[in-house]
Amino acid sequence: MYCGDTRYNRLELCLMFMGKYQNSIDAKYRMIIPSKFRDELGYRCILTLGKDKCLYIYPVAEWENVTKDLLVRPTSGSDDRQLVRRFFANANECEIDKQGRIVIPQELREYAGIEKELVTNGLSNIIEVWSKAEFDKIENGI
C-alpha cells in the first residue's frame, strides 16, 4: 500500500505487510514469498539478518531509507560500528523469480535455524522469515 497521507511518518512510502504464512524451502534453498507480499516488493528485495534469530526482507525503497538512517549514525563506538558492519555484510539483494521465490543463502539459513519449514510474517514495513521451530517458541513464550 503506497500512501501520500501526512498522517504517516514516512511521507514518500507507506508499506503495510501483515499476516502469517507457513511454507518451506525447496532442495535449492528457495522460499516462496507469499503472493500478498509480492505486490509490494516488486521483482527485487533485500534479505538480511533480523533480530531474535529471524531474517528480514526489505523492499528496495525501504532498504534505502534504513541505510540512510544507519549511515548518519555516529560510528565512533565499536558497538555502533559492529551493528553497521553486521547489517551490511549480511545483506543480500534478491531477484524474485517468476514463481515468487528467492534463494536463502547458507549463512542466513544457519543464523535463523531454517532447515525446511518456515513462517513468513508481515511486520508493518518489513517481512520476517523464521524457522517454524523458532517462531513456535516465540509464539508460545518459550
N, C-alpha and C. Protein backbone atom coordinates (compact mmCIF):
# COMPACT_ATOMS: atom_id res chain seq x y z
N MET A 1 0.84 -1.16 0.00
CA MET A 1 0.00 0.00 0.00
C MET A 1 0.89 1.24 0.00
N TYR A 2 0.80 2.04 -1.00
CA TYR A 2 1.58 3.27 -1.07
C TYR A 2 0.70 4.42 -0.61
N CYS A 3 1.24 5.30 0.21
CA CYS A 3 0.44 6.37 0.80
C CYS A 3 1.16 7.70 0.69
N GLY A 4 0.43 8.73 0.40
CA GLY A 4 0.97 10.07 0.46
C GLY A 4 0.38 10.83 1.62
N ASP A 5 -0.39 10.16 2.42
CA ASP A 5 -1.10 10.75 3.56
C ASP A 5 -0.10 11.23 4.61
N THR A 6 -0.21 12.44 5.05
CA THR A 6 0.74 13.02 6.01
C THR A 6 0.58 12.48 7.42
N ARG A 7 -0.43 11.63 7.65
CA ARG A 7 -0.56 11.00 8.97
C ARG A 7 0.56 10.01 9.23
N TYR A 8 1.20 9.54 8.18
CA TYR A 8 2.25 8.55 8.31
C TYR A 8 3.60 9.22 8.51
N ASN A 9 4.49 8.54 9.24
CA ASN A 9 5.84 9.07 9.48
C ASN A 9 6.65 9.16 8.21
N ARG A 10 6.54 8.19 7.35
CA ARG A 10 7.28 8.21 6.09
C ARG A 10 6.37 8.80 5.03
N LEU A 11 6.74 9.96 4.53
CA LEU A 11 5.88 10.67 3.60
C LEU A 11 5.83 10.03 2.22
N GLU A 12 7.00 9.54 1.75
CA GLU A 12 7.01 9.07 0.37
C GLU A 12 6.58 7.61 0.23
N LEU A 13 6.61 6.83 1.29
CA LEU A 13 6.28 5.42 1.16
C LEU A 13 5.65 4.91 2.45
N CYS A 14 4.55 4.25 2.33
CA CYS A 14 3.89 3.66 3.49
C CYS A 14 3.53 2.23 3.13
N LEU A 15 4.30 1.28 3.63
CA LEU A 15 4.04 -0.12 3.35
C LEU A 15 3.31 -0.74 4.52
N MET A 16 2.51 -1.72 4.22
CA MET A 16 1.85 -2.42 5.30
C MET A 16 1.86 -3.91 4.98
N PHE A 17 2.84 -4.61 5.56
CA PHE A 17 2.88 -6.06 5.46
C PHE A 17 2.22 -6.61 6.72
N MET A 18 1.28 -7.50 6.55
CA MET A 18 0.65 -8.12 7.71
C MET A 18 0.21 -9.53 7.34
N GLY A 19 0.04 -10.33 8.36
CA GLY A 19 -0.37 -11.72 8.16
C GLY A 19 0.78 -12.66 8.41
N LYS A 20 0.42 -13.94 8.56
CA LYS A 20 1.40 -15.00 8.84
C LYS A 20 1.15 -16.15 7.88
N TYR A 21 2.21 -16.65 7.27
CA TYR A 21 2.10 -17.70 6.27
C TYR A 21 3.14 -18.78 6.56
N GLN A 22 2.74 -20.04 6.41
CA GLN A 22 3.67 -21.14 6.62
C GLN A 22 3.97 -21.79 5.28
N ASN A 23 5.24 -22.08 5.06
CA ASN A 23 5.64 -22.83 3.88
C ASN A 23 7.00 -23.47 4.17
N SER A 24 7.73 -23.81 3.13
CA SER A 24 9.01 -24.48 3.33
C SER A 24 9.98 -24.05 2.23
N ILE A 25 11.24 -24.39 2.43
CA ILE A 25 12.23 -24.16 1.38
C ILE A 25 12.38 -25.45 0.59
N ASP A 26 12.75 -25.32 -0.67
CA ASP A 26 12.92 -26.49 -1.51
C ASP A 26 14.37 -26.97 -1.48
N ALA A 27 14.69 -27.96 -2.28
CA ALA A 27 16.03 -28.55 -2.29
C ALA A 27 17.11 -27.56 -2.75
N LYS A 28 16.71 -26.49 -3.45
CA LYS A 28 17.67 -25.47 -3.90
C LYS A 28 17.66 -24.26 -2.97
N TYR A 29 17.08 -24.42 -1.78
CA TYR A 29 17.04 -23.40 -0.72
C TYR A 29 16.25 -22.15 -1.13
N ARG A 30 15.22 -22.36 -1.94
CA ARG A 30 14.35 -21.26 -2.34
C ARG A 30 13.09 -21.27 -1.48
N MET A 31 12.65 -20.08 -1.12
CA MET A 31 11.38 -19.94 -0.42
C MET A 31 10.43 -19.16 -1.30
N ILE A 32 9.15 -19.45 -1.17
CA ILE A 32 8.13 -18.70 -1.89
C ILE A 32 7.71 -17.53 -1.01
N ILE A 33 7.76 -16.34 -1.56
CA ILE A 33 7.25 -15.16 -0.86
C ILE A 33 5.74 -15.14 -1.06
N PRO A 34 4.97 -15.05 0.01
CA PRO A 34 3.50 -15.05 -0.14
C PRO A 34 3.05 -14.00 -1.16
N SER A 35 2.06 -14.38 -1.95
CA SER A 35 1.61 -13.51 -3.04
C SER A 35 1.15 -12.15 -2.53
N LYS A 36 0.57 -12.08 -1.34
CA LYS A 36 0.12 -10.79 -0.81
C LYS A 36 1.30 -9.85 -0.56
N PHE A 37 2.49 -10.38 -0.34
CA PHE A 37 3.67 -9.55 -0.11
C PHE A 37 4.37 -9.17 -1.42
N ARG A 38 4.22 -9.99 -2.44
CA ARG A 38 4.95 -9.77 -3.69
C ARG A 38 4.58 -8.48 -4.38
N ASP A 39 3.33 -8.06 -4.31
CA ASP A 39 2.92 -6.82 -4.97
C ASP A 39 3.70 -5.63 -4.43
N GLU A 40 3.95 -5.61 -3.14
CA GLU A 40 4.70 -4.51 -2.53
C GLU A 40 6.19 -4.58 -2.85
N LEU A 41 6.71 -5.79 -3.01
CA LEU A 41 8.15 -5.96 -3.22
C LEU A 41 8.58 -5.73 -4.65
N GLY A 42 7.75 -6.04 -5.60
CA GLY A 42 8.17 -5.95 -6.99
C GLY A 42 9.01 -7.16 -7.35
N TYR A 43 10.11 -6.96 -8.10
CA TYR A 43 10.94 -8.06 -8.55
C TYR A 43 12.26 -8.20 -7.79
N ARG A 44 12.52 -7.27 -6.87
CA ARG A 44 13.76 -7.32 -6.09
C ARG A 44 13.44 -7.00 -4.65
N CYS A 45 14.29 -7.52 -3.77
CA CYS A 45 14.19 -7.21 -2.35
C CYS A 45 15.56 -7.41 -1.71
N ILE A 46 15.68 -7.00 -0.46
CA ILE A 46 16.91 -7.19 0.29
C ILE A 46 16.61 -8.15 1.43
N LEU A 47 17.42 -9.20 1.55
CA LEU A 47 17.30 -10.20 2.61
C LEU A 47 18.51 -10.07 3.51
N THR A 48 18.28 -9.95 4.82
CA THR A 48 19.39 -9.80 5.75
C THR A 48 19.02 -10.36 7.12
N LEU A 49 19.99 -10.32 8.03
CA LEU A 49 19.75 -10.77 9.40
C LEU A 49 18.72 -9.89 10.07
N GLY A 50 17.87 -10.50 10.86
CA GLY A 50 16.92 -9.78 11.67
C GLY A 50 17.26 -9.97 13.14
N LYS A 51 16.35 -9.60 13.98
CA LYS A 51 16.54 -9.78 15.41
C LYS A 51 15.89 -11.08 15.84
N ASP A 52 16.30 -11.59 16.97
CA ASP A 52 15.69 -12.79 17.57
C ASP A 52 15.75 -14.02 16.67
N LYS A 53 16.83 -14.19 15.91
CA LYS A 53 17.04 -15.36 15.05
C LYS A 53 16.04 -15.46 13.90
N CYS A 54 15.64 -14.32 13.37
CA CYS A 54 14.83 -14.36 12.15
C CYS A 54 15.57 -13.58 11.07
N LEU A 55 15.05 -13.61 9.87
CA LEU A 55 15.59 -12.84 8.75
C LEU A 55 14.60 -11.75 8.41
N TYR A 56 15.10 -10.66 7.85
CA TYR A 56 14.25 -9.57 7.40
C TYR A 56 14.30 -9.48 5.88
N ILE A 57 13.15 -9.26 5.29
CA ILE A 57 13.06 -8.93 3.87
C ILE A 57 12.60 -7.49 3.79
N TYR A 58 13.39 -6.67 3.10
CA TYR A 58 13.07 -5.26 2.91
C TYR A 58 12.72 -5.01 1.45
N PRO A 59 11.68 -4.23 1.18
CA PRO A 59 11.51 -3.70 -0.17
C PRO A 59 12.71 -2.77 -0.45
N VAL A 60 13.12 -2.66 -1.68
CA VAL A 60 14.31 -1.87 -2.01
C VAL A 60 14.19 -0.43 -1.51
N ALA A 61 13.03 0.20 -1.69
CA ALA A 61 12.87 1.60 -1.25
C ALA A 61 13.00 1.71 0.27
N GLU A 62 12.46 0.76 1.00
CA GLU A 62 12.57 0.78 2.46
C GLU A 62 14.01 0.54 2.90
N TRP A 63 14.71 -0.35 2.20
CA TRP A 63 16.13 -0.59 2.47
C TRP A 63 16.93 0.70 2.31
N GLU A 64 16.64 1.45 1.28
CA GLU A 64 17.33 2.72 1.06
C GLU A 64 17.07 3.68 2.21
N ASN A 65 15.85 3.73 2.73
CA ASN A 65 15.55 4.58 3.89
C ASN A 65 16.33 4.13 5.12
N VAL A 66 16.36 2.83 5.36
CA VAL A 66 17.06 2.29 6.53
C VAL A 66 18.55 2.56 6.43
N THR A 67 19.13 2.36 5.25
CA THR A 67 20.57 2.58 5.12
C THR A 67 20.93 4.05 5.28
N LYS A 68 20.07 4.94 4.81
CA LYS A 68 20.33 6.37 5.02
C LYS A 68 20.36 6.68 6.52
N ASP A 69 19.41 6.10 7.26
CA ASP A 69 19.38 6.31 8.71
C ASP A 69 20.63 5.75 9.37
N LEU A 70 21.08 4.57 8.94
CA LEU A 70 22.27 3.97 9.54
C LEU A 70 23.54 4.77 9.23
N LEU A 71 23.63 5.27 8.02
CA LEU A 71 24.86 5.96 7.62
C LEU A 71 25.05 7.31 8.30
N VAL A 72 23.99 7.89 8.86
CA VAL A 72 24.15 9.15 9.56
C VAL A 72 24.38 8.94 11.07
N ARG A 73 24.29 7.70 11.52
CA ARG A 73 24.55 7.40 12.93
C ARG A 73 26.04 7.56 13.21
N PRO A 74 26.39 8.00 14.41
CA PRO A 74 27.82 8.05 14.75
C PRO A 74 28.38 6.63 14.83
N THR A 75 29.59 6.46 14.34
CA THR A 75 30.23 5.14 14.39
C THR A 75 31.53 5.19 15.19
N SER A 76 31.56 6.08 16.16
CA SER A 76 32.78 6.21 16.97
C SER A 76 32.93 5.05 17.94
N GLY A 77 31.84 4.46 18.38
CA GLY A 77 31.92 3.34 19.31
C GLY A 77 31.99 2.02 18.57
N SER A 78 32.68 1.04 19.15
CA SER A 78 32.83 -0.25 18.47
C SER A 78 31.49 -0.96 18.33
N ASP A 79 30.57 -0.79 19.27
CA ASP A 79 29.25 -1.40 19.14
C ASP A 79 28.48 -0.84 17.95
N ASP A 80 28.58 0.47 17.74
CA ASP A 80 27.93 1.11 16.59
C ASP A 80 28.52 0.61 15.28
N ARG A 81 29.84 0.52 15.22
CA ARG A 81 30.49 0.03 14.00
C ARG A 81 30.12 -1.42 13.73
N GLN A 82 30.08 -2.22 14.79
CA GLN A 82 29.73 -3.63 14.63
C GLN A 82 28.31 -3.79 14.12
N LEU A 83 27.39 -2.98 14.61
CA LEU A 83 26.00 -3.03 14.14
C LEU A 83 25.92 -2.72 12.65
N VAL A 84 26.55 -1.65 12.23
CA VAL A 84 26.52 -1.25 10.82
C VAL A 84 27.23 -2.30 9.96
N ARG A 85 28.36 -2.78 10.42
CA ARG A 85 29.12 -3.80 9.68
C ARG A 85 28.28 -5.07 9.50
N ARG A 86 27.69 -5.53 10.57
CA ARG A 86 26.89 -6.76 10.54
C ARG A 86 25.68 -6.60 9.62
N PHE A 87 25.06 -5.44 9.69
CA PHE A 87 23.88 -5.16 8.89
C PHE A 87 24.18 -5.23 7.40
N PHE A 88 25.25 -4.56 6.97
CA PHE A 88 25.58 -4.51 5.55
C PHE A 88 26.26 -5.79 5.07
N ALA A 89 27.12 -6.38 5.88
CA ALA A 89 27.86 -7.57 5.46
C ALA A 89 26.94 -8.75 5.18
N ASN A 90 25.81 -8.81 5.87
CA ASN A 90 24.91 -9.95 5.72
C ASN A 90 23.72 -9.67 4.82
N ALA A 91 23.70 -8.53 4.18
CA ALA A 91 22.59 -8.17 3.29
C ALA A 91 22.79 -8.80 1.91
N ASN A 92 21.72 -9.28 1.35
CA ASN A 92 21.74 -9.90 0.03
C ASN A 92 20.63 -9.31 -0.83
N GLU A 93 20.99 -8.80 -1.99
CA GLU A 93 19.96 -8.35 -2.92
C GLU A 93 19.43 -9.58 -3.63
N CYS A 94 18.12 -9.76 -3.62
CA CYS A 94 17.50 -10.95 -4.19
C CYS A 94 16.59 -10.58 -5.35
N GLU A 95 16.68 -11.37 -6.40
CA GLU A 95 15.73 -11.27 -7.50
C GLU A 95 14.61 -12.25 -7.19
N ILE A 96 13.39 -11.79 -7.33
CA ILE A 96 12.23 -12.66 -7.12
C ILE A 96 11.88 -13.27 -8.47
N ASP A 97 11.92 -14.61 -8.54
CA ASP A 97 11.69 -15.26 -9.83
C ASP A 97 10.20 -15.27 -10.19
N LYS A 98 9.88 -15.83 -11.34
CA LYS A 98 8.51 -15.80 -11.85
C LYS A 98 7.53 -16.57 -10.96
N GLN A 99 8.05 -17.50 -10.16
CA GLN A 99 7.21 -18.25 -9.24
C GLN A 99 7.14 -17.59 -7.86
N GLY A 100 7.76 -16.41 -7.73
CA GLY A 100 7.72 -15.68 -6.46
C GLY A 100 8.70 -16.18 -5.42
N ARG A 101 9.81 -16.77 -5.87
CA ARG A 101 10.78 -17.36 -4.95
C ARG A 101 12.07 -16.55 -4.89
N ILE A 102 12.73 -16.65 -3.72
CA ILE A 102 14.08 -16.13 -3.55
C ILE A 102 14.91 -17.23 -2.91
N VAL A 103 16.23 -17.17 -3.11
CA VAL A 103 17.15 -18.12 -2.51
C VAL A 103 17.61 -17.56 -1.17
N ILE A 104 17.61 -18.42 -0.15
CA ILE A 104 18.13 -18.02 1.16
C ILE A 104 19.55 -18.57 1.26
N PRO A 105 20.57 -17.69 1.31
CA PRO A 105 21.96 -18.15 1.40
C PRO A 105 22.23 -18.96 2.67
N GLN A 106 23.23 -19.81 2.60
CA GLN A 106 23.55 -20.73 3.69
C GLN A 106 23.76 -20.02 5.02
N GLU A 107 24.54 -18.94 5.04
CA GLU A 107 24.84 -18.28 6.32
C GLU A 107 23.59 -17.69 6.96
N LEU A 108 22.64 -17.26 6.15
CA LEU A 108 21.38 -16.74 6.70
C LEU A 108 20.49 -17.88 7.19
N ARG A 109 20.47 -18.99 6.45
CA ARG A 109 19.71 -20.16 6.90
C ARG A 109 20.24 -20.65 8.25
N GLU A 110 21.56 -20.70 8.36
CA GLU A 110 22.17 -21.17 9.61
C GLU A 110 21.85 -20.23 10.77
N TYR A 111 21.96 -18.92 10.55
CA TYR A 111 21.65 -17.94 11.60
C TYR A 111 20.22 -18.13 12.12
N ALA A 112 19.27 -18.29 11.19
CA ALA A 112 17.86 -18.38 11.56
C ALA A 112 17.43 -19.81 11.92
N GLY A 113 18.30 -20.79 11.71
CA GLY A 113 17.94 -22.17 12.00
C GLY A 113 16.93 -22.75 11.03
N ILE A 114 16.92 -22.24 9.81
CA ILE A 114 15.95 -22.71 8.82
C ILE A 114 16.50 -23.95 8.13
N GLU A 115 15.77 -25.04 8.29
CA GLU A 115 16.15 -26.29 7.63
C GLU A 115 15.13 -26.68 6.56
N LYS A 116 13.86 -26.58 6.87
CA LYS A 116 12.82 -26.93 5.90
C LYS A 116 11.59 -26.04 6.08
N GLU A 117 10.89 -26.21 7.19
CA GLU A 117 9.65 -25.47 7.43
C GLU A 117 9.96 -24.05 7.89
N LEU A 118 9.20 -23.08 7.40
CA LEU A 118 9.40 -21.70 7.82
C LEU A 118 8.08 -20.96 7.93
N VAL A 119 8.14 -19.82 8.60
CA VAL A 119 7.00 -18.93 8.75
C VAL A 119 7.40 -17.57 8.23
N THR A 120 6.56 -16.99 7.40
CA THR A 120 6.77 -15.65 6.88
C THR A 120 5.72 -14.76 7.52
N ASN A 121 6.19 -13.68 8.13
CA ASN A 121 5.33 -12.86 8.98
C ASN A 121 5.45 -11.39 8.56
N GLY A 122 4.33 -10.74 8.30
CA GLY A 122 4.36 -9.32 7.99
C GLY A 122 4.55 -8.52 9.26
N LEU A 123 5.39 -7.51 9.20
CA LEU A 123 5.66 -6.66 10.36
C LEU A 123 5.74 -5.21 9.89
N SER A 124 4.60 -4.66 9.49
CA SER A 124 4.47 -3.28 9.04
C SER A 124 5.27 -3.04 7.77
N ASN A 125 6.49 -2.50 7.87
CA ASN A 125 7.25 -2.13 6.68
C ASN A 125 8.30 -3.16 6.27
N ILE A 126 8.39 -4.28 7.01
CA ILE A 126 9.32 -5.35 6.65
C ILE A 126 8.60 -6.69 6.75
N ILE A 127 9.28 -7.72 6.26
CA ILE A 127 8.77 -9.09 6.35
C ILE A 127 9.79 -9.89 7.14
N GLU A 128 9.32 -10.66 8.10
CA GLU A 128 10.20 -11.54 8.87
C GLU A 128 10.09 -12.95 8.30
N VAL A 129 11.23 -13.66 8.31
CA VAL A 129 11.27 -15.06 7.91
C VAL A 129 11.86 -15.84 9.07
N TRP A 130 11.12 -16.80 9.58
CA TRP A 130 11.50 -17.59 10.75
C TRP A 130 11.56 -19.07 10.40
N SER A 131 12.41 -19.81 11.10
CA SER A 131 12.23 -21.26 11.08
C SER A 131 10.94 -21.50 11.85
N LYS A 132 10.18 -22.50 11.46
CA LYS A 132 8.92 -22.76 12.14
C LYS A 132 9.16 -23.06 13.62
N ALA A 133 10.22 -23.79 13.93
CA ALA A 133 10.52 -24.13 15.33
C ALA A 133 10.77 -22.88 16.16
N GLU A 134 11.57 -21.93 15.64
CA GLU A 134 11.84 -20.69 16.37
C GLU A 134 10.59 -19.84 16.52
N PHE A 135 9.79 -19.76 15.46
CA PHE A 135 8.56 -18.98 15.53
C PHE A 135 7.61 -19.56 16.56
N ASP A 136 7.50 -20.89 16.59
CA ASP A 136 6.64 -21.53 17.57
C ASP A 136 7.10 -21.22 19.00
N LYS A 137 8.41 -21.19 19.23
CA LYS A 137 8.94 -20.83 20.56
C LYS A 137 8.50 -19.42 20.95
N ILE A 138 8.63 -18.48 20.02
CA ILE A 138 8.25 -17.09 20.28
C ILE A 138 6.74 -16.99 20.55
N GLU A 139 5.96 -17.66 19.70
CA GLU A 139 4.51 -17.63 19.84
C GLU A 139 4.04 -18.22 21.17
N ASN A 140 4.75 -19.26 21.62
CA ASN A 140 4.35 -19.94 22.86
C ASN A 140 5.07 -19.40 24.08
N GLY A 141 5.88 -18.35 23.90
CA GLY A 141 6.56 -17.73 25.03
C GLY A 141 7.63 -18.60 25.65
N ILE A 142 8.25 -19.45 24.87
CA ILE A 142 9.30 -20.34 25.39
C ILE A 142 10.64 -19.65 25.31
